[in-house]
Amino acid sequence: MLTITLLGTAATMPLPDRALTAAAAECVGHSLLFDCGEGTQAAARRAGVNLMKLDAICLTHYHGDHIFGLPGLLQTLGCQGRTRPLALYGPAGLDAIWPALRTLTGPLPYPIRARQLDKDPVDLAAFGWPAGAQLLPVPTRHRVPSRGYALTLPRAGRFLPEKAQALGVPVADWKKLQHGETVQAGEREVTPAEVLGPPRRGLKFVFSGDTAPCPALEAAAQDADLFLCDATYAEPEQEAQAKQYGHSTFGQSAALAARAGAKRLWLVHYSPMITEPEECLHFAQGAFPRAECGFDGKQLTLQFEEEPHG
């Protein structure tokens, strides 16, 4: 399962009930943070998200409303005794931004491994995530170099005990095979692929960051279980303004989600002019009825699909 929590849904400036952009994804004791706007730490505390479990912080771009919470968070993790390395990902420009942020944080008791992401996926299993879990950077369309992110959790095929028995695998080793380990059966090794059925549908979470609609994001959002998308502007009449600044309207995000066949859409990154997002939701639901307004603290646990018995 995968738990997504919105920690900030504001654009440009924080509001009393709306921190700047951030979202957390948690899975079996591990987590990722997407952007780190002002107010992220307080929002995480209110939502019950433990940022000490972070494996990586994934920045979509380097505008202040997406990164100004980072120096304070990095200091807090050090004060809380973190020694485990932390990865920091972002698009082109990270080599210039990170030294400045590093100066603000001062000495830290843990290493930070900053890495620019272009198109190659990150293997999250290296951090302890389930085997096959990946973080894919997605080129987006903003005024500066930017990336969205697609987080995928695969699901192995159903374990077939009759195959394990035929291969002579001891029952005590069956769970190892189910967890992706190779085991010894007599004089030969047995791999999980030999005793599992075809792969089952996994989970996908997509975080757009700031962007105008673009083909790469639409492709990444295909069949997403949850799609968080830029909704800086509410009304259709604002599409020209959204394009000028590299953002999306409620309706544009909804249309993209519909074309991609996403299961759920959460609108985020509201202009401070949008004081009541729910009053504008009809602009999105006309194109995508399952569109919802995101709000700080909103949380959803994504579960693998149940399979019919028998």
Protein backbone atom coordinates (compact mmCIF):
# COMPACT_ATOMS: atom_id res chain seq x y z
CA MET A 1 0.00 0.00 0.00
CA LEU A 2 1.02 3.62 -0.53
CA THR A 3 -0.14 6.57 1.58
CA ILE A 4 -0.20 10.05 0.05
CA THR A 5 -0.53 13.16 2.24
CA LEU A 6 -0.85 16.74 1.04
CA LEU A 7 1.30 19.03 3.18
CA GLY A 8 0.91 22.24 1.20
CA THR A 9 -1.43 23.29 -1.61
CA ALA A 10 -0.67 27.01 -1.96
CA ALA A 11 1.11 28.78 -4.80
CA THR A 12 3.22 31.92 -4.47
CA MET A 13 2.46 32.72 -0.82
CA PRO A 14 1.19 30.82 2.23
CA LEU A 15 -2.28 31.45 3.59
CA PRO A 16 -3.48 30.84 7.16
CA ASP A 17 -4.88 27.41 6.24
CA ARG A 18 -2.66 26.67 3.25
CA ALA A 19 1.10 26.02 3.32
CA LEU A 20 3.25 26.16 0.22
CA THR A 21 3.70 23.15 -2.02
CA ALA A 22 4.66 19.77 -0.54
CA ALA A 23 3.36 16.20 -0.54
CA ALA A 24 4.56 12.99 1.11
CA ALA A 25 4.40 9.41 -0.13
CA GLU A 26 4.84 6.67 2.51
CA CYS A 27 5.31 2.93 2.07
CA VAL A 28 6.33 0.27 4.62
CA GLY A 29 8.42 2.54 6.83
CA HIS A 30 9.93 4.56 3.98
CA SER A 31 8.90 7.85 2.44
CA LEU A 32 9.54 10.47 -0.23
CA LEU A 33 8.85 14.20 -0.03
CA PHE A 34 7.80 16.04 -3.18
CA ASP A 35 8.82 19.70 -2.94
CA CYS A 36 9.36 21.48 0.35
CA GLY A 37 7.63 24.84 0.48
CA GLU A 38 7.43 27.10 3.51
CA GLY A 39 5.36 25.44 6.24
CA THR A 40 6.16 21.82 5.32
CA GLN A 41 7.44 20.84 8.76
CA ALA A 42 4.44 22.17 10.65
CA ALA A 43 2.05 20.63 8.12
CA ALA A 44 3.75 17.24 8.46
CA ARG A 45 3.44 17.38 12.24
CA ARG A 46 -0.27 18.20 12.02
CA ALA A 47 -0.83 15.35 9.54
CA GLY A 48 1.17 12.79 11.52
CA VAL A 49 3.83 12.35 8.82
CA ASN A 50 7.24 11.37 10.22
CA LEU A 51 9.82 13.15 8.08
CA MET A 52 12.66 11.23 9.76
CA LYS A 53 11.65 8.30 7.54
CA LEU A 54 12.49 10.23 4.37
CA ASP A 55 14.70 8.48 1.85
CA ALA A 56 14.67 11.33 -0.66
CA ILE A 57 13.37 14.83 -1.32
CA CYS A 58 12.22 15.28 -4.91
CA LEU A 59 12.18 18.89 -6.11
CA THR A 60 10.16 19.77 -9.20
CA HIS A 61 11.96 23.11 -9.78
CA TYR A 62 13.66 25.84 -7.79
CA HIS A 63 11.11 28.61 -7.35
CA GLY A 64 10.96 29.76 -3.73
CA ASP A 65 7.45 28.52 -3.04
CA HIS A 66 8.72 24.98 -3.65
CA ILE A 67 12.05 25.00 -1.81
CA PHE A 68 12.14 27.62 0.97
CA GLY A 69 11.14 25.06 3.58
CA LEU A 70 14.17 22.92 2.80
CA PRO A 71 16.97 24.50 4.90
CA GLY A 72 14.89 24.37 8.07
CA LEU A 73 13.80 20.79 7.46
CA LEU A 74 17.36 19.62 6.86
CA GLN A 75 18.46 21.29 10.11
CA THR A 76 15.59 19.71 12.03
CA LEU A 77 16.47 16.23 10.79
CA GLY A 78 20.00 16.78 12.07
CA CYS A 79 18.75 18.03 15.43
CA GLN A 80 16.59 14.91 15.74
CA GLY A 81 19.66 12.70 15.34
CA ARG A 82 19.53 11.63 11.74
CA THR A 83 22.72 9.97 10.52
CA ARG A 84 21.32 8.03 7.57
CA PRO A 85 22.10 9.54 4.13
CA LEU A 86 19.36 11.55 2.43
CA ALA A 87 18.96 11.83 -1.34
CA LEU A 88 18.04 15.15 -2.95
CA TYR A 89 16.71 15.02 -6.51
CA GLY A 90 15.83 17.78 -8.93
CA PRO A 91 16.03 18.96 -12.55
CA ALA A 92 18.84 20.88 -14.23
CA GLY A 93 20.22 23.61 -11.99
CA LEU A 94 20.61 21.52 -8.85
CA ASP A 95 24.39 21.95 -9.01
CA ALA A 96 23.91 25.70 -8.53
CA ILE A 97 21.03 25.61 -6.05
CA TRP A 98 22.32 22.97 -3.67
CA PRO A 99 25.52 24.80 -2.59
CA ALA A 100 23.40 27.84 -1.66
CA LEU A 101 20.99 25.72 0.36
CA ARG A 102 23.93 23.92 1.95
CA THR A 103 25.32 27.25 3.15
CA LEU A 104 22.00 28.03 4.84
CA THR A 105 21.77 24.68 6.61
CA GLY A 106 25.28 24.74 8.03
CA PRO A 107 27.02 21.50 9.09
CA LEU A 108 24.79 18.44 9.17
CA PRO A 109 25.42 15.09 10.91
CA TYR A 110 24.29 13.11 7.88
CA PRO A 111 25.33 13.10 4.21
CA ILE A 112 23.09 14.54 1.50
CA ARG A 113 23.48 13.02 -1.94
CA ALA A 114 22.29 15.59 -4.46
CA ARG A 115 21.61 14.26 -7.95
CA GLN A 116 20.15 15.85 -11.05
CA LEU A 117 17.44 13.70 -12.63
CA ASP A 118 16.90 13.87 -16.36
CA LYS A 119 15.03 10.82 -17.64
CA ASP A 120 16.46 7.73 -15.96
CA PRO A 121 14.33 6.20 -13.18
CA VAL A 122 15.54 5.79 -9.60
CA ASP A 123 15.47 2.25 -8.18
CA LEU A 124 13.82 2.74 -4.79
CA ALA A 125 14.58 -0.81 -3.71
CA ALA A 126 18.08 0.48 -2.94
CA PHE A 127 16.48 2.45 -0.06
CA GLY A 128 14.51 -0.54 1.20
CA TRP A 129 11.30 -0.02 -0.77
CA PRO A 130 9.59 -3.12 -2.24
CA ALA A 131 11.43 -4.76 -5.12
CA GLY A 132 10.78 -3.02 -8.42
CA ALA A 133 9.57 0.28 -6.92
CA GLN A 134 10.68 3.17 -9.12
CA LEU A 135 10.69 6.96 -9.21
CA LEU A 136 10.50 8.28 -12.76
CA PRO A 137 11.29 11.96 -13.50
CA VAL A 138 8.85 13.48 -16.01
CA PRO A 139 9.76 16.51 -18.20
CA THR A 140 7.13 19.20 -17.66
CA ARG A 141 6.36 22.60 -19.17
CA HIS A 142 7.15 25.48 -16.82
CA ARG A 143 9.08 28.75 -17.20
CA VAL A 144 12.24 27.13 -15.83
CA PRO A 145 13.69 23.61 -16.02
CA SER A 146 11.16 21.38 -14.25
CA ARG A 147 10.27 17.78 -13.57
CA GLY A 148 7.18 16.00 -12.35
CA TYR A 149 7.47 12.54 -10.82
CA ALA A 150 5.76 9.18 -11.28
CA LEU A 151 6.10 6.75 -8.38
CA THR A 152 5.30 3.14 -9.24
CA LEU A 153 4.95 0.08 -7.03
CA PRO A 154 4.80 -3.16 -9.04
CA ARG A 155 2.97 -6.22 -7.82
CA ALA A 156 4.35 -9.67 -8.43
CA GLY A 157 2.24 -12.48 -9.77
CA ARG A 158 0.31 -14.82 -7.50
CA PHE A 159 2.41 -17.49 -5.80
CA LEU A 160 1.73 -20.95 -7.29
CA PRO A 161 2.39 -23.57 -4.60
CA GLU A 162 1.97 -26.45 -7.03
CA LYS A 163 4.97 -25.20 -9.01
CA ALA A 164 7.05 -24.83 -5.85
CA GLN A 165 6.15 -28.37 -4.83
CA ALA A 166 7.02 -29.74 -8.27
CA LEU A 167 10.43 -28.08 -8.04
CA GLY A 168 11.05 -29.54 -4.59
CA VAL A 169 11.14 -26.23 -2.71
CA PRO A 170 10.76 -26.75 1.06
CA VAL A 171 7.61 -25.14 2.43
CA ALA A 172 9.77 -23.13 4.84
CA ASP A 173 11.26 -21.29 1.83
CA TRP A 174 8.00 -20.39 0.12
CA LYS A 175 7.78 -16.98 1.76
CA LYS A 176 11.28 -16.15 0.57
CA LEU A 177 10.18 -16.76 -3.01
CA GLN A 178 7.09 -14.62 -2.45
CA HIS A 179 9.36 -11.80 -1.25
CA GLY A 180 11.53 -11.98 -4.35
CA GLU A 181 14.39 -14.13 -3.03
CA THR A 182 16.04 -17.03 -4.84
CA VAL A 183 16.18 -20.26 -2.82
CA GLN A 184 17.99 -23.59 -2.98
CA ALA A 185 16.03 -26.74 -3.77
CA GLY A 186 18.32 -29.73 -3.68
CA GLU A 187 21.18 -29.10 -6.06
CA ARG A 188 19.55 -26.25 -8.00
CA GLU A 189 18.43 -22.69 -7.41
CA VAL A 190 14.79 -21.72 -7.82
CA THR A 191 13.94 -18.14 -8.74
CA PRO A 192 10.66 -16.36 -7.97
CA ALA A 193 9.83 -16.19 -11.68
CA GLU A 194 9.55 -20.00 -11.74
CA VAL A 195 6.80 -20.14 -9.11
CA LEU A 196 4.82 -16.94 -9.71
CA GLY A 197 1.99 -16.23 -12.11
CA PRO A 198 1.94 -13.20 -14.43
CA PRO A 199 2.52 -9.78 -12.82
CA ARG A 200 -0.58 -8.14 -11.34
CA ARG A 201 -1.58 -4.50 -11.50
CA GLY A 202 0.54 -2.38 -9.16
CA LEU A 203 0.12 1.20 -7.92
CA LYS A 204 1.03 4.52 -9.51
CA PHE A 205 1.17 8.02 -8.02
CA VAL A 206 1.97 11.06 -10.17
CA PHE A 207 2.96 14.53 -8.93
CA SER A 208 2.99 17.18 -11.63
CA GLY A 209 4.69 20.14 -9.99
CA ASP A 210 4.19 23.46 -11.80
CA THR A 211 3.34 22.87 -15.44
CA ALA A 212 1.16 23.67 -18.38
CA PRO A 213 -0.45 20.60 -19.98
CA CYS A 214 2.12 18.59 -21.93
CA PRO A 215 2.37 15.17 -23.61
CA ALA A 216 5.05 13.82 -21.27
CA LEU A 217 2.91 14.43 -18.21
CA GLU A 218 -0.14 12.92 -19.89
CA ALA A 219 1.87 9.81 -20.74
CA ALA A 220 3.20 9.53 -17.18
CA ALA A 221 -0.31 9.85 -15.73
CA GLN A 222 -1.69 6.94 -17.78
CA ASP A 223 -3.79 4.76 -15.45
CA ALA A 224 -2.49 6.58 -12.36
CA ASP A 225 -4.23 5.62 -9.13
CA LEU A 226 -3.77 9.18 -7.90
CA PHE A 227 -2.74 12.20 -9.96
CA LEU A 228 -1.82 15.48 -8.24
CA CYS A 229 -1.88 18.26 -10.81
CA ASP A 230 -1.17 21.97 -11.00
CA ALA A 231 -4.41 23.99 -10.78
CA THR A 232 -3.05 27.48 -10.30
CA TYR A 233 -5.94 29.09 -12.17
CA ALA A 234 -9.60 28.20 -11.82
CA GLU A 235 -11.52 29.62 -14.78
CA PRO A 236 -11.35 28.70 -18.48
CA GLU A 237 -10.89 32.38 -19.36
CA GLN A 238 -7.52 32.25 -17.62
CA GLU A 239 -5.97 29.66 -19.96
CA ALA A 240 -3.87 32.26 -21.80
CA GLN A 241 -2.48 33.53 -18.51
CA ALA A 242 -1.81 29.97 -17.36
CA LYS A 243 0.10 29.25 -20.57
CA GLN A 244 2.14 32.45 -20.22
CA TYR A 245 3.37 31.46 -16.77
CA GLY A 246 3.64 27.70 -17.30
CA HIS A 247 0.65 26.61 -15.25
CA SER A 248 -2.73 24.90 -15.71
CA THR A 249 -6.37 25.71 -15.03
CA PHE A 250 -8.82 23.45 -13.21
CA GLY A 251 -10.32 22.41 -16.52
CA GLN A 252 -7.00 21.75 -18.25
CA SER A 253 -5.80 19.49 -15.44
CA ALA A 254 -9.09 17.62 -15.48
CA ALA A 255 -9.00 17.15 -19.26
CA LEU A 256 -5.46 15.79 -19.03
CA ALA A 257 -6.49 13.37 -16.28
CA ALA A 258 -9.41 12.18 -18.41
CA ARG A 259 -7.22 11.59 -21.46
CA ALA A 260 -4.73 9.71 -19.31
CA GLY A 261 -7.38 7.47 -17.77
CA ALA A 262 -6.34 8.39 -14.23
CA LYS A 263 -8.46 6.95 -11.44
CA ARG A 264 -8.37 10.02 -9.18
CA LEU A 265 -7.34 13.64 -9.61
CA TRP A 266 -6.46 16.03 -6.79
CA LEU A 267 -6.14 19.67 -7.78
CA VAL A 268 -3.30 21.51 -6.01
CA HIS A 269 -1.13 24.65 -6.15
CA TYR A 270 -3.90 27.22 -5.96
CA SER A 271 -3.32 30.88 -6.67
CA PRO A 272 -3.91 33.00 -3.53
CA MET A 273 -6.82 34.51 -5.48
CA ILE A 274 -8.62 31.15 -5.14
CA THR A 275 -9.85 31.38 -1.56
CA GLU A 276 -12.55 28.70 -1.88
CA PRO A 277 -11.40 26.00 -4.34
CA GLU A 278 -14.58 23.95 -3.89
CA GLU A 279 -16.61 26.77 -5.43
CA CYS A 280 -14.60 26.34 -8.64
CA LEU A 281 -14.57 22.54 -8.71
CA HIS A 282 -17.30 22.39 -11.37
CA PHE A 283 -14.75 23.72 -13.89
CA ALA A 284 -12.86 20.43 -13.43
CA GLN A 285 -15.68 17.97 -12.89
CA GLY A 286 -17.20 18.76 -16.26
CA ALA A 287 -14.21 17.04 -17.86
CA PHE A 288 -13.33 14.62 -15.07
CA PRO A 289 -16.16 13.86 -12.62
CA ARG A 290 -13.80 12.26 -10.09
CA ALA A 291 -11.76 15.45 -9.69
CA GLU A 292 -11.34 16.61 -6.10
CA CYS A 293 -9.91 19.71 -4.49
CA GLY A 294 -6.76 19.04 -2.55
CA PHE A 295 -6.31 20.66 0.85
CA ASP A 296 -3.55 20.63 3.44
CA GLY A 297 -3.70 17.41 5.43
CA LYS A 298 -5.74 15.49 2.86
CA GLN A 299 -4.62 11.87 2.91
CA LEU A 300 -5.34 8.69 0.97
CA THR A 301 -3.97 5.16 1.28
CA LEU A 302 -3.82 3.41 -2.07
CA GLN A 303 -4.35 -0.35 -1.92
CA PHE A 304 -3.66 -3.06 -4.44
CA GLU A 305 -6.80 -4.20 -6.23
CA GLU A 306 -8.60 -7.12 -4.66
CA GLU A 307 -8.76 -10.22 -6.77
CA PRO A 308 -11.78 -12.46 -7.18
CA HIS A 309 -11.62 -15.70 -5.23
CA GLY A 310 -12.15 -19.09 -6.66
